[in-house]
Amino acid sequence: MAFFKSSRKEKEVAIPVNNQTTEQTRMNETAAPFKSTTVSEGITVRGDMEGNDSVQINGTLIGNLKVNELTIGKKGAVQGNIIAKKVINSGEVAGSIHCVNLDIMQSGKVNDTIHAKVVVINGEAQGEILADTSVTVTKGGKANVSVMRSKRIIVNGDINGKVVASELLDVGSNGCVQGEISVKNIKTEEGGKVIGTMAPYQDEQPTTKQISVQDKEEVIDTEMI
């Protein structure tokens, strides 16, 4: 039971209170709130967003983002630059992405520079991809790049452009890499294709001009480790 007094102090009125509701309210107040911001489908937001929250974009954001985690839905779009710890993109990004982990889902597209630690491409990526640790292009994934650079590049989809793998280029049976290729080690499964010019990987120096060791295109279907 809870008792409340009127402002005129005329009499006490007893009001029943549901104990279960009170307990649930107490738990909700003491629990740490999950902070998130959502841009709903059909909504367009113009302006930059910055904070420590997790953000879900199902509509359109025209502006830059600096957040903790970002999820872009299938109908979501960001026209601006993104800085985050983790990005999951099922929509479209027209701008650069700087993050730790980036997952481009099957319906996802990115059209600009990507700089991350780990990148997984199930959809499409265009531009420049710089990954500190690894890039994985899954079956059905496509990357048309000015340059893709990482320690390990694992390919079961398609890559077209300059590819630099400082440790290993691993081409699966469904993988195809076409372009100017610089690798330390290369591994190809049966059915995998590497087409283009190839040179051994070297640490690039600003004054050093890389020269291709082959002048014509060829298909490589062997394993070199």
C-alpha atoms as a PDB file:
ATOM      1  CA  MET A   1       0.000   0.000   0.000  1.00  0.00           C
ATOM      2  CA  ALA A   2       1.133   3.557  -0.706  1.00  0.00           C
ATOM      3  CA  PHE A   3      -0.280   6.686   0.922  1.00  0.00           C
ATOM      4  CA  PHE A   4      -0.498  10.120  -0.629  1.00  0.00           C
ATOM      5  CA  LYS A   5      -1.775  13.330   1.001  1.00  0.00           C
ATOM      6  CA  SER A   6      -3.640  16.076  -0.739  1.00  0.00           C
ATOM      7  CA  SER A   7      -2.096  19.524  -0.800  1.00  0.00           C
ATOM      8  CA  ARG A   8      -4.852  20.742   1.576  1.00  0.00           C
ATOM      9  CA  LYS A   9      -4.101  17.978   4.092  1.00  0.00           C
ATOM     10  CA  GLU A  10      -7.807  17.177   4.340  1.00  0.00           C
ATOM     11  CA  LYS A  11      -7.509  13.399   4.487  1.00  0.00           C
ATOM     12  CA  GLU A  12      -5.333  10.488   3.551  1.00  0.00           C
ATOM     13  CA  VAL A  13      -6.295   8.493   0.501  1.00  0.00           C
ATOM     14  CA  ALA A  14      -5.058   4.929   0.091  1.00  0.00           C
ATOM     15  CA  ILE A  15      -4.142   3.966  -3.493  1.00  0.00           C
ATOM     16  CA  PRO A  16      -3.290   0.326  -4.249  1.00  0.00           C
ATOM     17  CA  VAL A  17       0.003  -0.260  -6.033  1.00  0.00           C
ATOM     18  CA  ASN A  18       0.863  -3.353  -8.031  1.00  0.00           C
ATOM     19  CA  ASN A  19       3.914  -4.846  -6.315  1.00  0.00           C
ATOM     20  CA  GLN A  20       5.005  -6.635  -9.473  1.00  0.00           C
ATOM     21  CA  THR A  21       4.989  -3.402 -11.441  1.00  0.00           C
ATOM     22  CA  THR A  22       6.971  -1.665  -8.704  1.00  0.00           C
ATOM     23  CA  GLU A  23       9.617  -4.382  -8.762  1.00  0.00           C
ATOM     24  CA  GLN A  24       9.878  -4.275 -12.545  1.00  0.00           C
ATOM     25  CA  THR A  25      10.238  -0.498 -12.449  1.00  0.00           C
ATOM     26  CA  ARG A  26      12.985  -0.757  -9.875  1.00  0.00           C
ATOM     27  CA  MET A  27      14.871  -3.266 -12.053  1.00  0.00           C
ATOM     28  CA  ASN A  28      14.535  -1.041 -15.103  1.00  0.00           C
ATOM     29  CA  GLU A  29      15.853   1.958 -13.185  1.00  0.00           C
ATOM     30  CA  THR A  30      18.875   0.116 -11.831  1.00  0.00           C
ATOM     31  CA  ALA A  31      19.794  -1.650 -15.075  1.00  0.00           C
ATOM     32  CA  ALA A  32      22.299   0.101 -17.320  1.00  0.00           C
ATOM     33  CA  PRO A  33      20.406   1.565 -20.276  1.00  0.00           C
ATOM     34  CA  PHE A  34      21.269   0.435 -23.825  1.00  0.00           C
ATOM     35  CA  LYS A  35      22.024   3.584 -25.731  1.00  0.00           C
ATOM     36  CA  SER A  36      21.079   3.572 -29.385  1.00  0.00           C
ATOM     37  CA  THR A  37      19.842   5.955 -32.051  1.00  0.00           C
ATOM     38  CA  THR A  38      17.742   4.930 -35.047  1.00  0.00           C
ATOM     39  CA  VAL A  39      17.018   6.745 -38.283  1.00  0.00           C
ATOM     40  CA  SER A  40      13.834   5.075 -39.504  1.00  0.00           C
ATOM     41  CA  GLU A  41      13.035   4.030 -43.053  1.00  0.00           C
ATOM     42  CA  GLY A  42      11.711   6.931 -45.095  1.00  0.00           C
ATOM     43  CA  ILE A  43      13.424   9.549 -42.912  1.00  0.00           C
ATOM     44  CA  THR A  44      16.237  11.780 -44.230  1.00  0.00           C
ATOM     45  CA  VAL A  45      18.568  13.442 -41.743  1.00  0.00           C
ATOM     46  CA  ARG A  46      20.943  16.224 -42.817  1.00  0.00           C
ATOM     47  CA  GLY A  47      23.886  16.992 -40.562  1.00  0.00           C
ATOM     48  CA  ASP A  48      26.744  15.314 -38.716  1.00  0.00           C
ATOM     49  CA  MET A  49      26.235  12.818 -35.886  1.00  0.00           C
ATOM     50  CA  GLU A  50      28.778  12.192 -33.125  1.00  0.00           C
ATOM     51  CA  GLY A  51      28.601  10.269 -29.858  1.00  0.00           C
ATOM     52  CA  ASN A  52      29.280   7.029 -28.002  1.00  0.00           C
ATOM     53  CA  ASP A  53      25.956   5.426 -28.898  1.00  0.00           C
ATOM     54  CA  SER A  54      25.184   2.625 -31.323  1.00  0.00           C
ATOM     55  CA  VAL A  55      23.408   3.920 -34.410  1.00  0.00           C
ATOM     56  CA  GLN A  56      21.004   2.148 -36.777  1.00  0.00           C
ATOM     57  CA  ILE A  57      20.409   3.759 -40.174  1.00  0.00           C
ATOM     58  CA  ASN A  58      17.325   2.496 -41.999  1.00  0.00           C
ATOM     59  CA  GLY A  59      16.663   5.797 -43.736  1.00  0.00           C
ATOM     60  CA  THR A  60      19.138   8.290 -45.218  1.00  0.00           C
ATOM     61  CA  LEU A  61      21.838  10.280 -43.472  1.00  0.00           C
ATOM     62  CA  ILE A  62      23.508  13.108 -45.384  1.00  0.00           C
ATOM     63  CA  GLY A  63      26.468  13.977 -43.182  1.00  0.00           C
ATOM     64  CA  ASN A  64      29.420  12.503 -41.324  1.00  0.00           C
ATOM     65  CA  LEU A  65      29.199   9.929 -38.536  1.00  0.00           C
ATOM     66  CA  LYS A  66      31.484   9.357 -35.557  1.00  0.00           C
ATOM     67  CA  VAL A  67      29.982   6.687 -33.289  1.00  0.00           C
ATOM     68  CA  ASN A  68      30.746   3.466 -31.441  1.00  0.00           C
ATOM     69  CA  GLU A  69      28.865   0.919 -33.582  1.00  0.00           C
ATOM     70  CA  LEU A  70      26.977   1.505 -36.815  1.00  0.00           C
ATOM     71  CA  THR A  71      24.439  -0.731 -38.533  1.00  0.00           C
ATOM     72  CA  ILE A  72      23.057   0.249 -41.920  1.00  0.00           C
ATOM     73  CA  GLY A  73      19.912  -1.579 -43.009  1.00  0.00           C
ATOM     74  CA  LYS A  74      19.086  -2.807 -46.514  1.00  0.00           C
ATOM     75  CA  LYS A  75      17.249   0.437 -47.338  1.00  0.00           C
ATOM     76  CA  GLY A  76      19.674   2.594 -45.388  1.00  0.00           C
ATOM     77  CA  ALA A  77      22.137   5.025 -46.954  1.00  0.00           C
ATOM     78  CA  VAL A  78      24.932   7.244 -45.680  1.00  0.00           C
ATOM     79  CA  GLN A  79      26.322  10.062 -47.790  1.00  0.00           C
ATOM     80  CA  GLY A  80      29.332  11.107 -45.754  1.00  0.00           C
ATOM     81  CA  ASN A  81      32.397   9.832 -43.940  1.00  0.00           C
ATOM     82  CA  ILE A  82      32.172   7.249 -41.149  1.00  0.00           C
ATOM     83  CA  ILE A  83      34.394   6.723 -38.106  1.00  0.00           C
ATOM     84  CA  ALA A  84      33.402   3.844 -35.810  1.00  0.00           C
ATOM     85  CA  LYS A  85      34.676   0.769 -34.022  1.00  0.00           C
ATOM     86  CA  LYS A  86      32.365  -1.624 -35.847  1.00  0.00           C
ATOM     87  CA  VAL A  87      30.331  -1.166 -39.023  1.00  0.00           C
ATOM     88  CA  ILE A  88      27.790  -3.593 -40.494  1.00  0.00           C
ATOM     89  CA  ASN A  89      26.549  -2.365 -43.852  1.00  0.00           C
ATOM     90  CA  SER A  90      23.562  -3.848 -45.680  1.00  0.00           C
ATOM     91  CA  GLY A  91      22.762  -0.576 -47.452  1.00  0.00           C
ATOM     92  CA  GLU A  92      24.850   1.944 -49.353  1.00  0.00           C
ATOM     93  CA  VAL A  93      27.712   4.182 -48.254  1.00  0.00           C
ATOM     94  CA  ALA A  94      29.038   7.015 -50.433  1.00  0.00           C
ATOM     95  CA  GLY A  95      31.981   8.143 -48.324  1.00  0.00           C
ATOM     96  CA  SER A  96      35.057   6.859 -46.548  1.00  0.00           C
ATOM     97  CA  ILE A  97      34.938   4.368 -43.677  1.00  0.00           C
ATOM     98  CA  HIS A  98      37.505   4.248 -40.875  1.00  0.00           C
ATOM     99  CA  CYS A  99      36.841   1.462 -38.374  1.00  0.00           C
ATOM    100  CA  VAL A 100      38.208  -1.629 -36.658  1.00  0.00           C
ATOM    101  CA  ASN A 101      35.816  -4.214 -38.133  1.00  0.00           C
ATOM    102  CA  LEU A 102      33.780  -3.786 -41.303  1.00  0.00           C
ATOM    103  CA  ASP A 103      31.217  -6.276 -42.614  1.00  0.00           C
ATOM    104  CA  ILE A 104      29.714  -5.489 -46.002  1.00  0.00           C
ATOM    105  CA  MET A 105      26.682  -7.741 -46.267  1.00  0.00           C
ATOM    106  CA  GLN A 106      25.284  -9.222 -49.519  1.00  0.00           C
ATOM    107  CA  SER A 107      23.098  -6.194 -50.227  1.00  0.00           C
ATOM    108  CA  GLY A 108      25.725  -3.716 -49.021  1.00  0.00           C
ATOM    109  CA  LYS A 109      27.749  -1.307 -51.163  1.00  0.00           C
ATOM    110  CA  VAL A 110      30.643   1.011 -50.335  1.00  0.00           C
ATOM    111  CA  ASN A 111      31.963   3.592 -52.800  1.00  0.00           C
ATOM    112  CA  ASP A 112      35.080   5.225 -51.350  1.00  0.00           C
ATOM    113  CA  THR A 113      38.131   4.601 -49.182  1.00  0.00           C
ATOM    114  CA  ILE A 114      37.998   1.868 -46.540  1.00  0.00           C
ATOM    115  CA  HIS A 115      40.590   1.832 -43.754  1.00  0.00           C
ATOM    116  CA  ALA A 116      40.039  -0.896 -41.172  1.00  0.00           C
ATOM    117  CA  LYS A 117      41.708  -3.717 -39.304  1.00  0.00           C
ATOM    118  CA  VAL A 118      39.491  -6.533 -40.617  1.00  0.00           C
ATOM    119  CA  VAL A 119      37.234  -6.287 -43.680  1.00  0.00           C
ATOM    120  CA  VAL A 120      34.714  -8.873 -44.884  1.00  0.00           C
ATOM    121  CA  ILE A 121      33.067  -8.274 -48.265  1.00  0.00           C
ATOM    122  CA  ASN A 122      29.902 -10.215 -49.015  1.00  0.00           C
ATOM    123  CA  GLY A 123      28.493  -7.423 -51.193  1.00  0.00           C
ATOM    124  CA  GLU A 124      30.275  -4.783 -53.286  1.00  0.00           C
ATOM    125  CA  ALA A 125      33.133  -2.386 -52.623  1.00  0.00           C
ATOM    126  CA  GLN A 126      34.694   0.226 -54.888  1.00  0.00           C
ATOM    127  CA  GLY A 127      37.623   2.513 -54.210  1.00  0.00           C
ATOM    128  CA  GLU A 128      40.643   1.969 -51.986  1.00  0.00           C
ATOM    129  CA  ILE A 129      40.759  -0.744 -49.308  1.00  0.00           C
ATOM    130  CA  LEU A 130      43.478  -0.657 -46.654  1.00  0.00           C
ATOM    131  CA  ALA A 131      43.169  -3.378 -44.007  1.00  0.00           C
ATOM    132  CA  ASP A 132      45.793  -3.785 -41.304  1.00  0.00           C
ATOM    133  CA  THR A 133      45.139  -7.492 -40.725  1.00  0.00           C
ATOM    134  CA  SER A 134      42.946  -9.132 -43.380  1.00  0.00           C
ATOM    135  CA  VAL A 135      40.440  -8.759 -46.196  1.00  0.00           C
ATOM    136  CA  THR A 136      38.021 -11.590 -46.979  1.00  0.00           C
ATOM    137  CA  VAL A 137      35.948 -11.543 -50.156  1.00  0.00           C
ATOM    138  CA  THR A 138      33.319 -14.258 -49.863  1.00  0.00           C
ATOM    139  CA  LYS A 139      31.545 -16.110 -52.691  1.00  0.00           C
ATOM    140  CA  GLY A 140      29.388 -13.557 -54.466  1.00  0.00           C
ATOM    141  CA  GLY A 141      31.398 -10.635 -53.104  1.00  0.00           C
ATOM    142  CA  LYS A 142      32.901  -8.129 -55.542  1.00  0.00           C
ATOM    143  CA  ALA A 143      35.645  -5.539 -55.155  1.00  0.00           C
ATOM    144  CA  ASN A 144      36.644  -3.093 -57.900  1.00  0.00           C
ATOM    145  CA  VAL A 145      39.552  -1.258 -56.344  1.00  0.00           C
ATOM    146  CA  SER A 146      42.262   1.241 -57.133  1.00  0.00           C
ATOM    147  CA  VAL A 147      44.252  -0.699 -54.533  1.00  0.00           C
ATOM    148  CA  MET A 148      43.550  -3.396 -51.954  1.00  0.00           C
ATOM    149  CA  ARG A 149      46.310  -3.725 -49.390  1.00  0.00           C
ATOM    150  CA  SER A 150      46.520  -6.065 -46.380  1.00  0.00           C
ATOM    151  CA  LYS A 151      48.629  -8.746 -44.720  1.00  0.00           C
ATOM    152  CA  ARG A 152      46.253 -11.530 -45.706  1.00  0.00           C
ATOM    153  CA  ILE A 153      43.744 -11.434 -48.541  1.00  0.00           C
ATOM    154  CA  ILE A 154      41.329 -14.371 -48.802  1.00  0.00           C
ATOM    155  CA  VAL A 155      39.314 -14.536 -52.007  1.00  0.00           C
ATOM    156  CA  ASN A 156      36.284 -16.652 -52.866  1.00  0.00           C
ATOM    157  CA  GLY A 157      34.622 -13.867 -54.848  1.00  0.00           C
ATOM    158  CA  ASP A 158      35.976 -11.381 -57.411  1.00  0.00           C
ATOM    159  CA  ILE A 159      38.651  -8.706 -57.100  1.00  0.00           C
ATOM    160  CA  ASN A 160      39.584  -6.367 -59.935  1.00  0.00           C
ATOM    161  CA  GLY A 161      42.432  -3.889 -59.438  1.00  0.00           C
ATOM    162  CA  LYS A 162      45.777  -3.545 -57.738  1.00  0.00           C
ATOM    163  CA  VAL A 163      46.247  -6.118 -54.961  1.00  0.00           C
ATOM    164  CA  VAL A 164      49.068  -6.045 -52.392  1.00  0.00           C
ATOM    165  CA  ALA A 165      49.351  -8.886 -49.856  1.00  0.00           C
ATOM    166  CA  SER A 166      52.343  -8.585 -47.536  1.00  0.00           C
ATOM    167  CA  GLU A 167      51.897 -12.112 -46.122  1.00  0.00           C
ATOM    168  CA  LEU A 168      49.492 -14.265 -48.177  1.00  0.00           C
ATOM    169  CA  LEU A 169      47.065 -14.115 -51.071  1.00  0.00           C
ATOM    170  CA  ASP A 170      44.733 -17.101 -50.659  1.00  0.00           C
ATOM    171  CA  VAL A 171      42.481 -17.720 -53.665  1.00  0.00           C
ATOM    172  CA  GLY A 172      39.713 -20.283 -53.158  1.00  0.00           C
ATOM    173  CA  SER A 173      38.070 -22.473 -55.795  1.00  0.00           C
ATOM    174  CA  ASN A 174      35.459 -19.773 -56.529  1.00  0.00           C
ATOM    175  CA  GLY A 175      37.898 -16.883 -56.334  1.00  0.00           C
ATOM    176  CA  CYS A 176      39.163 -14.672 -59.141  1.00  0.00           C
ATOM    177  CA  VAL A 177      41.778 -11.905 -58.831  1.00  0.00           C
ATOM    178  CA  GLN A 178      42.502  -9.762 -61.861  1.00  0.00           C
ATOM    179  CA  GLY A 179      44.935  -6.864 -62.064  1.00  0.00           C
ATOM    180  CA  GLU A 180      48.354  -5.767 -60.857  1.00  0.00           C
ATOM    181  CA  ILE A 181      49.373  -8.152 -58.075  1.00  0.00           C
ATOM    182  CA  SER A 182      52.152  -7.923 -55.504  1.00  0.00           C
ATOM    183  CA  VAL A 183      52.438 -10.815 -53.027  1.00  0.00           C
ATOM    184  CA  LYS A 184      54.854 -12.448 -50.644  1.00  0.00           C
ATOM    185  CA  ASN A 185      53.137 -15.851 -50.820  1.00  0.00           C
ATOM    186  CA  ILE A 186      50.257 -17.073 -52.941  1.00  0.00           C
ATOM    187  CA  LYS A 187      47.988 -20.080 -52.555  1.00  0.00           C
ATOM    188  CA  THR A 188      45.331 -21.096 -55.061  1.00  0.00           C
ATOM    189  CA  GLU A 189      42.826 -23.903 -54.890  1.00  0.00           C
ATOM    190  CA  GLU A 190      41.789 -25.811 -57.977  1.00  0.00           C
ATOM    191  CA  GLY A 191      39.453 -23.619 -59.971  1.00  0.00           C
ATOM    192  CA  GLY A 192      40.782 -20.381 -58.488  1.00  0.00           C
ATOM    193  CA  LYS A 193      42.131 -17.797 -60.930  1.00  0.00           C
ATOM    194  CA  VAL A 194      44.776 -15.093 -60.711  1.00  0.00           C
ATOM    195  CA  ILE A 195      44.981 -13.044 -63.909  1.00  0.00           C
ATOM    196  CA  GLY A 196      47.364 -10.192 -64.542  1.00  0.00           C
ATOM    197  CA  THR A 197      50.888  -9.019 -63.834  1.00  0.00           C
ATOM    198  CA  MET A 198      52.639 -10.264 -60.723  1.00  0.00           C
ATOM    199  CA  ALA A 199      55.614  -9.080 -58.709  1.00  0.00           C
ATOM    200  CA  PRO A 200      57.103 -10.257 -55.400  1.00  0.00           C
ATOM    201  CA  TYR A 201      56.041  -8.112 -52.456  1.00  0.00           C
ATOM    202  CA  GLN A 202      58.484  -5.468 -51.294  1.00  0.00           C
ATOM    203  CA  ASP A 203      58.133  -2.815 -48.623  1.00  0.00           C
ATOM    204  CA  GLU A 204      57.300   0.253 -50.633  1.00  0.00           C
ATOM    205  CA  GLN A 205      59.604   3.231 -50.464  1.00  0.00           C
ATOM    206  CA  PRO A 206      58.441   6.687 -51.563  1.00  0.00           C
ATOM    207  CA  THR A 207      61.290   6.980 -54.085  1.00  0.00           C
ATOM    208  CA  THR A 208      61.151   3.414 -55.357  1.00  0.00           C
ATOM    209  CA  LYS A 209      59.234   2.665 -58.532  1.00  0.00           C
ATOM    210  CA  GLN A 210      57.771  -0.819 -58.668  1.00  0.00           C
ATOM    211  CA  ILE A 211      58.418  -2.659 -61.921  1.00  0.00           C
ATOM    212  CA  SER A 212      56.267  -5.592 -62.982  1.00  0.00           C
ATOM    213  CA  VAL A 213      58.215  -8.797 -63.644  1.00  0.00           C
ATOM    214  CA  GLN A 214      55.723  -9.835 -66.340  1.00  0.00           C
ATOM    215  CA  ASP A 215      54.513  -7.872 -69.331  1.00  0.00           C
ATOM    216  CA  LYS A 216      51.553  -9.980 -70.360  1.00  0.00           C
ATOM    217  CA  GLU A 217      48.503 -11.398 -68.660  1.00  0.00           C
ATOM    218  CA  GLU A 218      48.410 -15.005 -67.619  1.00  0.00           C
ATOM    219  CA  VAL A 219      46.235 -17.328 -65.599  1.00  0.00           C
ATOM    220  CA  ILE A 220      47.914 -18.832 -62.538  1.00  0.00           C
ATOM    221  CA  ASP A 221      46.432 -22.025 -61.155  1.00  0.00           C
ATOM    222  CA  THR A 222      49.241 -23.280 -58.919  1.00  0.00           C
ATOM    223  CA  GLU A 223      50.225 -23.104 -55.280  1.00  0.00           C
ATOM    224  CA  MET A 224      53.270 -21.189 -54.083  1.00  0.00           C
ATOM    225  CA  ILE A 225      54.117 -21.144 -50.381  1.00  0.00           C
END
